[in-house]
Amino acid sequence: MTIIATTAIPGHLRGALTRWMTEPMPGLYVGTLSARVRTELWSAVAATINDGAALLLHPDDNEQGFTLHTAGQRRRTPIDLDGLTLIALNPSEPEPAADHPRGDPPA
């Protein structure tokens, strides 16, 4: 299974993704793709992302059982730590208000 999550992408890119994958909610694409189609589709996403952001998650033969790729600017950045993919938060960027349901300011 391949999952692509997107934010603020061009309309033509959304159309390209829905040719190969199902969009169960806006910006989330799910499908079963061959490695070749997945690579070509991700290349198209990364090349046309503009100011948006995208994340690709697919099964892989590693310790975590998956591989993560990102394109565009995001507050959360994947980093490799001894073969494990961890997520680093950029402290210089404020968190969106939606991440603080009680209105607490970011630390």
PDB file of N, CA and C in Angstrom:
ATOM      1  N   MET A   1       0.843  -1.177   0.000  1.00  0.00           N
ATOM      2  CA  MET A   1       0.000   0.000   0.000  1.00  0.00           C
ATOM      3  C   MET A   1       0.885   1.235   0.000  1.00  0.00           C
ATOM      4  N   THR A   2       0.507   2.199  -0.767  1.00  0.00           N
ATOM      5  CA  THR A   2       1.223   3.466  -0.842  1.00  0.00           C
ATOM      6  C   THR A   2       0.292   4.580  -0.385  1.00  0.00           C
ATOM      7  N   ILE A   3       0.827   5.496   0.423  1.00  0.00           N
ATOM      8  CA  ILE A   3       0.053   6.623   0.922  1.00  0.00           C
ATOM      9  C   ILE A   3       0.795   7.908   0.572  1.00  0.00           C
ATOM     10  N   ILE A   4       0.081   8.863   0.007  1.00  0.00           N
ATOM     11  CA  ILE A   4       0.622  10.189  -0.254  1.00  0.00           C
ATOM     12  C   ILE A   4      -0.315  11.191   0.415  1.00  0.00           C
ATOM     13  N   ALA A   5       0.257  12.039   1.269  1.00  0.00           N
ATOM     14  CA  ALA A   5      -0.501  13.115   1.912  1.00  0.00           C
ATOM     15  C   ALA A   5       0.017  14.434   1.364  1.00  0.00           C
ATOM     16  N   THR A   6      -0.896  15.320   0.986  1.00  0.00           N
ATOM     17  CA  THR A   6      -0.492  16.575   0.363  1.00  0.00           C
ATOM     18  C   THR A   6      -1.163  17.768   1.043  1.00  0.00           C
ATOM     19  N   THR A   7      -0.522  18.932   0.885  1.00  0.00           N
ATOM     20  CA  THR A   7      -1.067  20.200   1.368  1.00  0.00           C
ATOM     21  C   THR A   7      -0.810  21.253   0.304  1.00  0.00           C
ATOM     22  N   ALA A   8      -1.856  21.963  -0.105  1.00  0.00           N
ATOM     23  CA  ALA A   8      -1.733  23.093  -1.034  1.00  0.00           C
ATOM     24  C   ALA A   8      -0.977  22.741  -2.307  1.00  0.00           C
ATOM     25  N   ILE A   9      -1.472  21.729  -3.022  1.00  0.00           N
ATOM     26  CA  ILE A   9      -0.825  21.350  -4.280  1.00  0.00           C
ATOM     27  C   ILE A   9      -1.669  21.856  -5.446  1.00  0.00           C
ATOM     28  N   PRO A  10      -1.056  22.010  -6.633  1.00  0.00           N
ATOM     29  CA  PRO A  10      -1.812  22.469  -7.803  1.00  0.00           C
ATOM     30  C   PRO A  10      -2.899  21.471  -8.202  1.00  0.00           C
ATOM     31  N   GLY A  11      -3.967  21.967  -8.813  1.00  0.00           N
ATOM     32  CA  GLY A  11      -5.086  21.126  -9.215  1.00  0.00           C
ATOM     33  C   GLY A  11      -4.709  20.033 -10.196  1.00  0.00           C
ATOM     34  N   HIS A  12      -3.816  20.340 -11.129  1.00  0.00           N
ATOM     35  CA  HIS A  12      -3.431  19.308 -12.100  1.00  0.00           C
ATOM     36  C   HIS A  12      -2.692  18.151 -11.434  1.00  0.00           C
ATOM     37  N   LEU A  13      -1.995  18.441 -10.339  1.00  0.00           N
ATOM     38  CA  LEU A  13      -1.300  17.372  -9.613  1.00  0.00           C
ATOM     39  C   LEU A  13      -2.311  16.483  -8.890  1.00  0.00           C
ATOM     40  N   ARG A  14      -3.357  17.108  -8.337  1.00  0.00           N
ATOM     41  CA  ARG A  14      -4.424  16.316  -7.699  1.00  0.00           C
ATOM     42  C   ARG A  14      -5.046  15.368  -8.720  1.00  0.00           C
ATOM     43  N   GLY A  15      -5.267  15.873  -9.939  1.00  0.00           N
ATOM     44  CA  GLY A  15      -5.830  15.031 -10.990  1.00  0.00           C
ATOM     45  C   GLY A  15      -4.928  13.865 -11.333  1.00  0.00           C
ATOM     46  N   ALA A  16      -3.629  14.131 -11.408  1.00  0.00           N
ATOM     47  CA  ALA A  16      -2.680  13.058 -11.721  1.00  0.00           C
ATOM     48  C   ALA A  16      -2.678  11.993 -10.633  1.00  0.00           C
ATOM     49  N   LEU A  17      -2.765  12.423  -9.383  1.00  0.00           N
ATOM     50  CA  LEU A  17      -2.758  11.458  -8.277  1.00  0.00           C
ATOM     51  C   LEU A  17      -4.018  10.605  -8.275  1.00  0.00           C
ATOM     52  N   THR A  18      -5.166  11.221  -8.581  1.00  0.00           N
ATOM     53  CA  THR A  18      -6.418  10.446  -8.545  1.00  0.00           C
ATOM     54  C   THR A  18      -6.545   9.484  -9.722  1.00  0.00           C
ATOM     55  N   ARG A  19      -5.703   9.616 -10.730  1.00  0.00           N
ATOM     56  CA  ARG A  19      -5.701   8.619 -11.805  1.00  0.00           C
ATOM     57  C   ARG A  19      -5.166   7.287 -11.314  1.00  0.00           C
ATOM     58  N   TRP A  20      -4.288   7.326 -10.316  1.00  0.00           N
ATOM     59  CA  TRP A  20      -3.632   6.115  -9.851  1.00  0.00           C
ATOM     60  C   TRP A  20      -4.078   5.695  -8.456  1.00  0.00           C
ATOM     61  N   MET A  21      -4.638   6.647  -7.683  1.00  0.00           N
ATOM     62  CA  MET A  21      -4.917   6.370  -6.282  1.00  0.00           C
ATOM     63  C   MET A  21      -6.310   6.871  -5.905  1.00  0.00           C
ATOM     64  N   THR A  22      -6.825   6.362  -4.775  1.00  0.00           N
ATOM     65  CA  THR A  22      -8.102   6.809  -4.236  1.00  0.00           C
ATOM     66  C   THR A  22      -7.852   7.948  -3.251  1.00  0.00           C
ATOM     67  N   GLU A  23      -8.736   8.951  -3.263  1.00  0.00           N
ATOM     68  CA  GLU A  23      -8.605  10.091  -2.350  1.00  0.00           C
ATOM     69  C   GLU A  23      -9.727  10.010  -1.314  1.00  0.00           C
ATOM     70  N   PRO A  24      -9.537   9.249  -0.202  1.00  0.00           N
ATOM     71  CA  PRO A  24     -10.612   9.084   0.784  1.00  0.00           C
ATOM     72  C   PRO A  24     -10.952  10.360   1.543  1.00  0.00           C
ATOM     73  N   MET A  25     -10.025  11.293   1.635  1.00  0.00           N
ATOM     74  CA  MET A  25     -10.284  12.619   2.196  1.00  0.00           C
ATOM     75  C   MET A  25      -9.369  13.604   1.481  1.00  0.00           C
ATOM     76  N   PRO A  26      -9.719  14.887   1.480  1.00  0.00           N
ATOM     77  CA  PRO A  26      -8.918  15.843   0.714  1.00  0.00           C
ATOM     78  C   PRO A  26      -7.432  15.807   1.081  1.00  0.00           C
ATOM     79  N   GLY A  27      -6.598  15.627   0.071  1.00  0.00           N
ATOM     80  CA  GLY A  27      -5.154  15.648   0.266  1.00  0.00           C
ATOM     81  C   GLY A  27      -4.538  14.337   0.678  1.00  0.00           C
ATOM     82  N   LEU A  28      -5.340  13.284   0.865  1.00  0.00           N
ATOM     83  CA  LEU A  28      -4.822  11.975   1.259  1.00  0.00           C
ATOM     84  C   LEU A  28      -5.118  10.987   0.140  1.00  0.00           C
ATOM     85  N   TYR A  29      -4.079  10.360  -0.397  1.00  0.00           N
ATOM     86  CA  TYR A  29      -4.207   9.437  -1.530  1.00  0.00           C
ATOM     87  C   TYR A  29      -3.674   8.080  -1.103  1.00  0.00           C
ATOM     88  N   VAL A  30      -4.446   7.032  -1.414  1.00  0.00           N
ATOM     89  CA  VAL A  30      -4.106   5.675  -1.018  1.00  0.00           C
ATOM     90  C   VAL A  30      -4.226   4.778  -2.241  1.00  0.00           C
ATOM     91  N   GLY A  31      -3.254   3.890  -2.405  1.00  0.00           N
ATOM     92  CA  GLY A  31      -3.324   2.961  -3.524  1.00  0.00           C
ATOM     93  C   GLY A  31      -2.273   1.875  -3.426  1.00  0.00           C
ATOM     94  N   THR A  32      -2.429   0.885  -4.269  1.00  0.00           N
ATOM     95  CA  THR A  32      -1.436  -0.175  -4.388  1.00  0.00           C
ATOM     96  C   THR A  32      -0.768   0.011  -5.739  1.00  0.00           C
ATOM     97  N   LEU A  33       0.490   0.431  -5.696  1.00  0.00           N
ATOM     98  CA  LEU A  33       1.214   0.781  -6.919  1.00  0.00           C
ATOM     99  C   LEU A  33       2.452  -0.089  -7.050  1.00  0.00           C
ATOM    100  N   SER A  34       2.883  -0.308  -8.281  1.00  0.00           N
ATOM    101  CA  SER A  34       4.175  -0.952  -8.482  1.00  0.00           C
ATOM    102  C   SER A  34       5.269   0.048  -8.108  1.00  0.00           C
ATOM    103  N   ALA A  35       6.462  -0.461  -7.856  1.00  0.00           N
ATOM    104  CA  ALA A  35       7.572   0.427  -7.487  1.00  0.00           C
ATOM    105  C   ALA A  35       7.850   1.430  -8.603  1.00  0.00           C
ATOM    106  N   ARG A  36       7.724   1.009  -9.829  1.00  0.00           N
ATOM    107  CA  ARG A  36       7.995   1.913 -10.956  1.00  0.00           C
ATOM    108  C   ARG A  36       6.970   3.046 -11.012  1.00  0.00           C
ATOM    109  N   VAL A  37       5.695   2.708 -10.892  1.00  0.00           N
ATOM    110  CA  VAL A  37       4.651   3.742 -10.927  1.00  0.00           C
ATOM    111  C   VAL A  37       4.802   4.666  -9.728  1.00  0.00           C
ATOM    112  N   ARG A  38       5.081   4.102  -8.553  1.00  0.00           N
ATOM    113  CA  ARG A  38       5.260   4.918  -7.350  1.00  0.00           C
ATOM    114  C   ARG A  38       6.415   5.908  -7.523  1.00  0.00           C
ATOM    115  N   THR A  39       7.527   5.439  -8.070  1.00  0.00           N
ATOM    116  CA  THR A  39       8.687   6.310  -8.284  1.00  0.00           C
ATOM    117  C   THR A  39       8.368   7.417  -9.277  1.00  0.00           C
ATOM    118  N   GLU A  40       7.722   7.075 -10.376  1.00  0.00           N
ATOM    119  CA  GLU A  40       7.376   8.081 -11.386  1.00  0.00           C
ATOM    120  C   GLU A  40       6.372   9.092 -10.830  1.00  0.00           C
ATOM    121  N   LEU A  41       5.385   8.598 -10.088  1.00  0.00           N
ATOM    122  CA  LEU A  41       4.376   9.492  -9.516  1.00  0.00           C
ATOM    123  C   LEU A  41       4.995  10.434  -8.484  1.00  0.00           C
ATOM    124  N   TRP A  42       5.890   9.910  -7.648  1.00  0.00           N
ATOM    125  CA  TRP A  42       6.527  10.753  -6.642  1.00  0.00           C
ATOM    126  C   TRP A  42       7.455  11.779  -7.304  1.00  0.00           C
ATOM    127  N   SER A  43       8.110  11.407  -8.373  1.00  0.00           N
ATOM    128  CA  SER A  43       8.949  12.359  -9.109  1.00  0.00           C
ATOM    129  C   SER A  43       8.101  13.515  -9.624  1.00  0.00           C
ATOM    130  N   ALA A  44       6.906  13.200 -10.139  1.00  0.00           N
ATOM    131  CA  ALA A  44       6.007  14.248 -10.631  1.00  0.00           C
ATOM    132  C   ALA A  44       5.529  15.131  -9.481  1.00  0.00           C
ATOM    133  N   VAL A  45       5.218  14.526  -8.337  1.00  0.00           N
ATOM    134  CA  VAL A  45       4.775  15.300  -7.171  1.00  0.00           C
ATOM    135  C   VAL A  45       5.901  16.233  -6.711  1.00  0.00           C
ATOM    136  N   ALA A  46       7.096  15.697  -6.532  1.00  0.00           N
ATOM    137  CA  ALA A  46       8.217  16.503  -6.031  1.00  0.00           C
ATOM    138  C   ALA A  46       8.581  17.628  -6.996  1.00  0.00           C
ATOM    139  N   ALA A  47       8.418  17.405  -8.295  1.00  0.00           N
ATOM    140  CA  ALA A  47       8.788  18.414  -9.293  1.00  0.00           C
ATOM    141  C   ALA A  47       7.765  19.536  -9.409  1.00  0.00           C
ATOM    142  N   THR A  48       6.503  19.288  -9.031  1.00  0.00           N
ATOM    143  CA  THR A  48       5.444  20.290  -9.234  1.00  0.00           C
ATOM    144  C   THR A  48       4.790  20.743  -7.941  1.00  0.00           C
ATOM    145  N   ILE A  49       5.440  20.554  -6.821  1.00  0.00           N
ATOM    146  CA  ILE A  49       4.826  20.845  -5.527  1.00  0.00           C
ATOM    147  C   ILE A  49       4.639  22.340  -5.286  1.00  0.00           C
ATOM    148  N   ASN A  50       5.442  23.184  -5.944  1.00  0.00           N
ATOM    149  CA  ASN A  50       5.393  24.647  -5.754  1.00  0.00           C
ATOM    150  C   ASN A  50       5.493  25.000  -4.270  1.00  0.00           C
ATOM    151  N   ASP A  51       4.520  25.725  -3.721  1.00  0.00           N
ATOM    152  CA  ASP A  51       4.556  26.136  -2.312  1.00  0.00           C
ATOM    153  C   ASP A  51       3.906  25.116  -1.382  1.00  0.00           C
ATOM    154  N   GLY A  52       3.410  24.029  -1.921  1.00  0.00           N
ATOM    155  CA  GLY A  52       2.747  23.016  -1.113  1.00  0.00           C
ATOM    156  C   GLY A  52       3.732  22.070  -0.451  1.00  0.00           C
ATOM    157  N   ALA A  53       3.203  21.014   0.105  1.00  0.00           N
ATOM    158  CA  ALA A  53       4.031  20.010   0.758  1.00  0.00           C
ATOM    159  C   ALA A  53       3.405  18.648   0.517  1.00  0.00           C
ATOM    160  N   ALA A  54       4.237  17.616   0.508  1.00  0.00           N
ATOM    161  CA  ALA A  54       3.741  16.263   0.289  1.00  0.00           C
ATOM    162  C   ALA A  54       4.598  15.264   1.061  1.00  0.00           C
ATOM    163  N   LEU A  55       3.976  14.158   1.377  1.00  0.00           N
ATOM    164  CA  LEU A  55       4.642  13.078   2.088  1.00  0.00           C
ATOM    165  C   LEU A  55       4.280  11.767   1.419  1.00  0.00           C
ATOM    166  N   LEU A  56       5.259  10.919   1.175  1.00  0.00           N
ATOM    167  CA  LEU A  56       5.049   9.585   0.601  1.00  0.00           C
ATOM    168  C   LEU A  56       5.465   8.553   1.627  1.00  0.00           C
ATOM    169  N   LEU A  57       4.599   7.577   1.846  1.00  0.00           N
ATOM    170  CA  LEU A  57       4.870   6.489   2.782  1.00  0.00           C
ATOM    171  C   LEU A  57       4.564   5.184   2.062  1.00  0.00           C
ATOM    172  N   HIS A  58       5.533   4.262   2.051  1.00  0.00           N
ATOM    173  CA  HIS A  58       5.299   2.971   1.399  1.00  0.00           C
ATOM    174  C   HIS A  58       6.039   1.868   2.148  1.00  0.00           C
ATOM    175  N   PRO A  59       5.559   0.633   2.053  1.00  0.00           N
ATOM    176  CA  PRO A  59       6.223  -0.475   2.732  1.00  0.00           C
ATOM    177  C   PRO A  59       7.635  -0.676   2.183  1.00  0.00           C
ATOM    178  N   ASP A  60       8.535  -1.088   3.061  1.00  0.00           N
ATOM    179  CA  ASP A  60       9.908  -1.341   2.642  1.00  0.00           C
ATOM    180  C   ASP A  60      10.498  -2.416   3.542  1.00  0.00           C
ATOM    181  N   ASP A  61      11.574  -3.043   3.073  1.00  0.00           N
ATOM    182  CA  ASP A  61      12.221  -4.109   3.826  1.00  0.00           C
ATOM    183  C   ASP A  61      13.294  -3.500   4.733  1.00  0.00           C
ATOM    184  N   ASN A  62      12.871  -2.835   5.802  1.00  0.00           N
ATOM    185  CA  ASN A  62      13.801  -2.273   6.780  1.00  0.00           C
ATOM    186  C   ASN A  62      13.219  -2.502   8.181  1.00  0.00           C
ATOM    187  N   GLU A  63      13.898  -2.003   9.187  1.00  0.00           N
ATOM    188  CA  GLU A  63      13.489  -2.261  10.579  1.00  0.00           C
ATOM    189  C   GLU A  63      12.078  -1.751  10.877  1.00  0.00           C
ATOM    190  N   GLN A  64      11.727  -0.606  10.343  1.00  0.00           N
ATOM    191  CA  GLN A  64      10.418  -0.021  10.605  1.00  0.00           C
ATOM    192  C   GLN A  64       9.338  -0.566   9.686  1.00  0.00           C
ATOM    193  N   GLY A  65       9.740  -1.175   8.585  1.00  0.00           N
ATOM    194  CA  GLY A  65       8.770  -1.747   7.659  1.00  0.00           C
ATOM    195  C   GLY A  65       8.192  -0.753   6.677  1.00  0.00           C
ATOM    196  N   PHE A  66       8.697   0.462   6.689  1.00  0.00           N
ATOM    197  CA  PHE A  66       8.217   1.468   5.745  1.00  0.00           C
ATOM    198  C   PHE A  66       9.320   2.483   5.462  1.00  0.00           C
ATOM    199  N   THR A  67       9.127   3.216   4.377  1.00  0.00           N
ATOM    200  CA  THR A  67      10.022   4.311   4.013  1.00  0.00           C
ATOM    201  C   THR A  67       9.188   5.568   3.848  1.00  0.00           C
ATOM    202  N   LEU A  68       9.758   6.672   4.276  1.00  0.00           N
ATOM    203  CA  LEU A  68       9.088   7.962   4.273  1.00  0.00           C
ATOM    204  C   LEU A  68       9.885   8.938   3.408  1.00  0.00           C
ATOM    205  N   HIS A  69       9.200   9.662   2.521  1.00  0.00           N
ATOM    206  CA  HIS A  69       9.807  10.713   1.712  1.00  0.00           C
ATOM    207  C   HIS A  69       8.967  11.970   1.880  1.00  0.00           C
ATOM    208  N   THR A  70       9.604  13.142   1.825  1.00  0.00           N
ATOM    209  CA  THR A  70       8.861  14.390   1.890  1.00  0.00           C
ATOM    210  C   THR A  70       9.313  15.319   0.779  1.00  0.00           C
ATOM    211  N   ALA A  71       8.439  16.237   0.415  1.00  0.00           N
ATOM    212  CA  ALA A  71       8.746  17.286  -0.566  1.00  0.00           C
ATOM    213  C   ALA A  71       8.075  18.557  -0.094  1.00  0.00           C
ATOM    214  N   GLY A  72       8.733  19.696  -0.325  1.00  0.00           N
ATOM    215  CA  GLY A  72       8.175  20.973   0.109  1.00  0.00           C
ATOM    216  C   GLY A  72       8.603  21.310   1.525  1.00  0.00           C
ATOM    217  N   GLN A  73       8.176  22.476   1.989  1.00  0.00           N
ATOM    218  CA  GLN A  73       8.545  22.949   3.320  1.00  0.00           C
ATOM    219  C   GLN A  73       7.540  22.464   4.349  1.00  0.00           C
ATOM    220  N   ARG A  74       8.027  21.832   5.391  1.00  0.00           N
ATOM    221  CA  ARG A  74       7.197  21.339   6.479  1.00  0.00           C
ATOM    222  C   ARG A  74       7.891  21.647   7.794  1.00  0.00           C
ATOM    223  N   ARG A  75       7.114  21.818   8.860  1.00  0.00           N
ATOM    224  CA  ARG A  75       7.693  22.018  10.182  1.00  0.00           C
ATOM    225  C   ARG A  75       8.341  20.728  10.677  1.00  0.00           C
ATOM    226  N   ARG A  76       7.765  19.613  10.307  1.00  0.00           N
ATOM    227  CA  ARG A  76       8.285  18.313  10.726  1.00  0.00           C
ATOM    228  C   ARG A  76       9.182  17.768   9.622  1.00  0.00           C
ATOM    229  N   THR A  77      10.424  17.431   9.993  1.00  0.00           N
ATOM    230  CA  THR A  77      11.395  16.961   9.025  1.00  0.00           C
ATOM    231  C   THR A  77      11.866  15.561   9.411  1.00  0.00           C
ATOM    232  N   PRO A  78      11.772  14.593   8.493  1.00  0.00           N
ATOM    233  CA  PRO A  78      12.280  13.265   8.820  1.00  0.00           C
ATOM    234  C   PRO A  78      13.810  13.269   8.862  1.00  0.00           C
ATOM    235  N   ILE A  79      14.367  12.595   9.854  1.00  0.00           N
ATOM    236  CA  ILE A  79      15.816  12.443   9.954  1.00  0.00           C
ATOM    237  C   ILE A  79      16.125  10.964  10.129  1.00  0.00           C
ATOM    238  N   ASP A  80      17.307  10.563   9.689  1.00  0.00           N
ATOM    239  CA  ASP A  80      17.731   9.173   9.810  1.00  0.00           C
ATOM    240  C   ASP A  80      18.633   9.045  11.028  1.00  0.00           C
ATOM    241  N   LEU A  81      18.296   8.149  11.947  1.00  0.00           N
ATOM    242  CA  LEU A  81      19.117   7.893  13.129  1.00  0.00           C
ATOM    243  C   LEU A  81      19.409   6.398  13.157  1.00  0.00           C
ATOM    244  N   ASP A  82      20.611   6.037  12.725  1.00  0.00           N
ATOM    245  CA  ASP A  82      21.042   4.637  12.691  1.00  0.00           C
ATOM    246  C   ASP A  82      20.037   3.748  11.967  1.00  0.00           C
ATOM    247  N   GLY A  83      19.521   4.227  10.854  1.00  0.00           N
ATOM    248  CA  GLY A  83      18.604   3.437  10.044  1.00  0.00           C
ATOM    249  C   GLY A  83      17.143   3.599  10.406  1.00  0.00           C
ATOM    250  N   LEU A  84      16.841   4.318  11.494  1.00  0.00           N
ATOM    251  CA  LEU A  84      15.457   4.566  11.868  1.00  0.00           C
ATOM    252  C   LEU A  84      15.071   5.968  11.435  1.00  0.00           C
ATOM    253  N   THR A  85      13.901   6.118  10.882  1.00  0.00           N
ATOM    254  CA  THR A  85      13.413   7.434  10.497  1.00  0.00           C
ATOM    255  C   THR A  85      12.662   8.038  11.671  1.00  0.00           C
ATOM    256  N   LEU A  86      13.163   9.176  12.147  1.00  0.00           N
ATOM    257  CA  LEU A  86      12.526   9.918  13.226  1.00  0.00           C
ATOM    258  C   LEU A  86      12.073  11.259  12.675  1.00  0.00           C
ATOM    259  N   ILE A  87      11.195  11.929  13.392  1.00  0.00           N
ATOM    260  CA  ILE A  87      10.681  13.225  12.958  1.00  0.00           C
ATOM    261  C   ILE A  87      11.232  14.313  13.876  1.00  0.00           C
ATOM    262  N   ALA A  88      11.887  15.295  13.267  1.00  0.00           N
ATOM    263  CA  ALA A  88      12.413  16.440  14.007  1.00  0.00           C
ATOM    264  C   ALA A  88      11.487  17.623  13.784  1.00  0.00           C
ATOM    265  N   LEU A  89      11.217  18.358  14.858  1.00  0.00           N
ATOM    266  CA  LEU A  89      10.395  19.565  14.754  1.00  0.00           C
ATOM    267  C   LEU A  89      11.315  20.772  14.687  1.00  0.00           C
ATOM    268  N   ASN A  90      11.033  21.690  13.765  1.00  0.00           N
ATOM    269  CA  ASN A  90      11.794  22.922  13.655  1.00  0.00           C
ATOM    270  C   ASN A  90      11.256  23.894  14.699  1.00  0.00           C
ATOM    271  N   PRO A  91      12.026  24.175  15.761  1.00  0.00           N
ATOM    272  CA  PRO A  91      11.505  25.033  16.828  1.00  0.00           C
ATOM    273  C   PRO A  91      11.352  26.489  16.416  1.00  0.00           C
ATOM    274  N   SER A  92      11.959  26.916  15.310  1.00  0.00           N
ATOM    275  CA  SER A  92      11.858  28.323  14.907  1.00  0.00           C
ATOM    276  C   SER A  92      10.519  28.651  14.265  1.00  0.00           C
ATOM    277  N   GLU A  93       9.776  27.625  13.853  1.00  0.00           N
ATOM    278  CA  GLU A  93       8.467  27.857  13.251  1.00  0.00           C
ATOM    279  C   GLU A  93       7.378  27.620  14.286  1.00  0.00           C
ATOM    280  N   PRO A  94       6.436  28.537  14.420  1.00  0.00           N
ATOM    281  CA  PRO A  94       5.344  28.328  15.379  1.00  0.00           C
ATOM    282  C   PRO A  94       4.414  27.217  14.903  1.00  0.00           C
ATOM    283  N   GLU A  95       3.845  26.506  15.881  1.00  0.00           N
ATOM    284  CA  GLU A  95       2.874  25.482  15.547  1.00  0.00           C
ATOM    285  C   GLU A  95       1.572  26.135  15.125  1.00  0.00           C
ATOM    286  N   PRO A  96       0.862  25.516  14.195  1.00  0.00           N
ATOM    287  CA  PRO A  96      -0.454  26.041  13.841  1.00  0.00           C
ATOM    288  C   PRO A  96      -1.381  26.001  15.051  1.00  0.00           C
ATOM    289  N   ALA A  97      -2.360  26.899  15.082  1.00  0.00           N
ATOM    290  CA  ALA A  97      -3.288  26.981  16.206  1.00  0.00           C
ATOM    291  C   ALA A  97      -4.042  25.678  16.417  1.00  0.00           C
ATOM    292  N   ALA A  98      -4.279  24.902  15.359  1.00  0.00           N
ATOM    293  CA  ALA A  98      -5.021  23.652  15.469  1.00  0.00           C
ATOM    294  C   ALA A  98      -4.295  22.628  16.334  1.00  0.00           C
ATOM    295  N   ASP A  99      -2.957  22.749  16.475  1.00  0.00           N
ATOM    296  CA  ASP A  99      -2.202  21.820  17.301  1.00  0.00           C
ATOM    297  C   ASP A  99      -2.350  22.120  18.789  1.00  0.00           C
ATOM    298  N   HIS A 100      -2.975  23.251  19.148  1.00  0.00           N
ATOM    299  CA  HIS A 100      -3.142  23.633  20.543  1.00  0.00           C
ATOM    300  C   HIS A 100      -4.631  23.817  20.829  1.00  0.00           C
ATOM    301  N   PRO A 101      -5.353  22.710  21.027  1.00  0.00           N
ATOM    302  CA  PRO A 101      -6.805  22.826  21.191  1.00  0.00           C
ATOM    303  C   PRO A 101      -7.220  23.651  22.393  1.00  0.00           C
ATOM    304  N   ARG A 102      -6.387  23.744  23.438  1.00  0.00           N
ATOM    305  CA  ARG A 102      -6.756  24.520  24.619  1.00  0.00           C
ATOM    306  C   ARG A 102      -6.236  25.951  24.537  1.00  0.00           C
ATOM    307  N   GLY A 103      -5.594  26.301  23.452  1.00  0.00           N
ATOM    308  CA  GLY A 103      -5.083  27.645  23.305  1.00  0.00           C
ATOM    309  C   GLY A 103      -3.742  27.867  23.968  1.00  0.00           C
ATOM    310  N   ASP A 104      -3.066  26.770  24.402  1.00  0.00           N
ATOM    311  CA  ASP A 104      -1.751  26.919  25.013  1.00  0.00           C
ATOM    312  C   ASP A 104      -0.758  27.396  23.967  1.00  0.00           C
ATOM    313  N   PRO A 105       0.108  28.346  24.306  1.00  0.00           N
ATOM    314  CA  PRO A 105       1.117  28.783  23.333  1.00  0.00           C
ATOM    315  C   PRO A 105       2.163  27.688  23.127  1.00  0.00           C
ATOM    316  N   PRO A 106       2.817  27.677  21.974  1.00  0.00           N
ATOM    317  CA  PRO A 106       3.859  26.676  21.737  1.00  0.00           C
ATOM    318  C   PRO A 106       5.029  26.890  22.682  1.00  0.00           C
ATOM    319  N   ALA A 107       5.682  25.805  23.064  1.00  0.00           N
ATOM    320  CA  ALA A 107       6.830  25.877  23.982  1.00  0.00           C
ATOM    321  C   ALA A 107       8.051  26.384  23.271  1.00  0.00           C
TER     322      ALA A 107
END
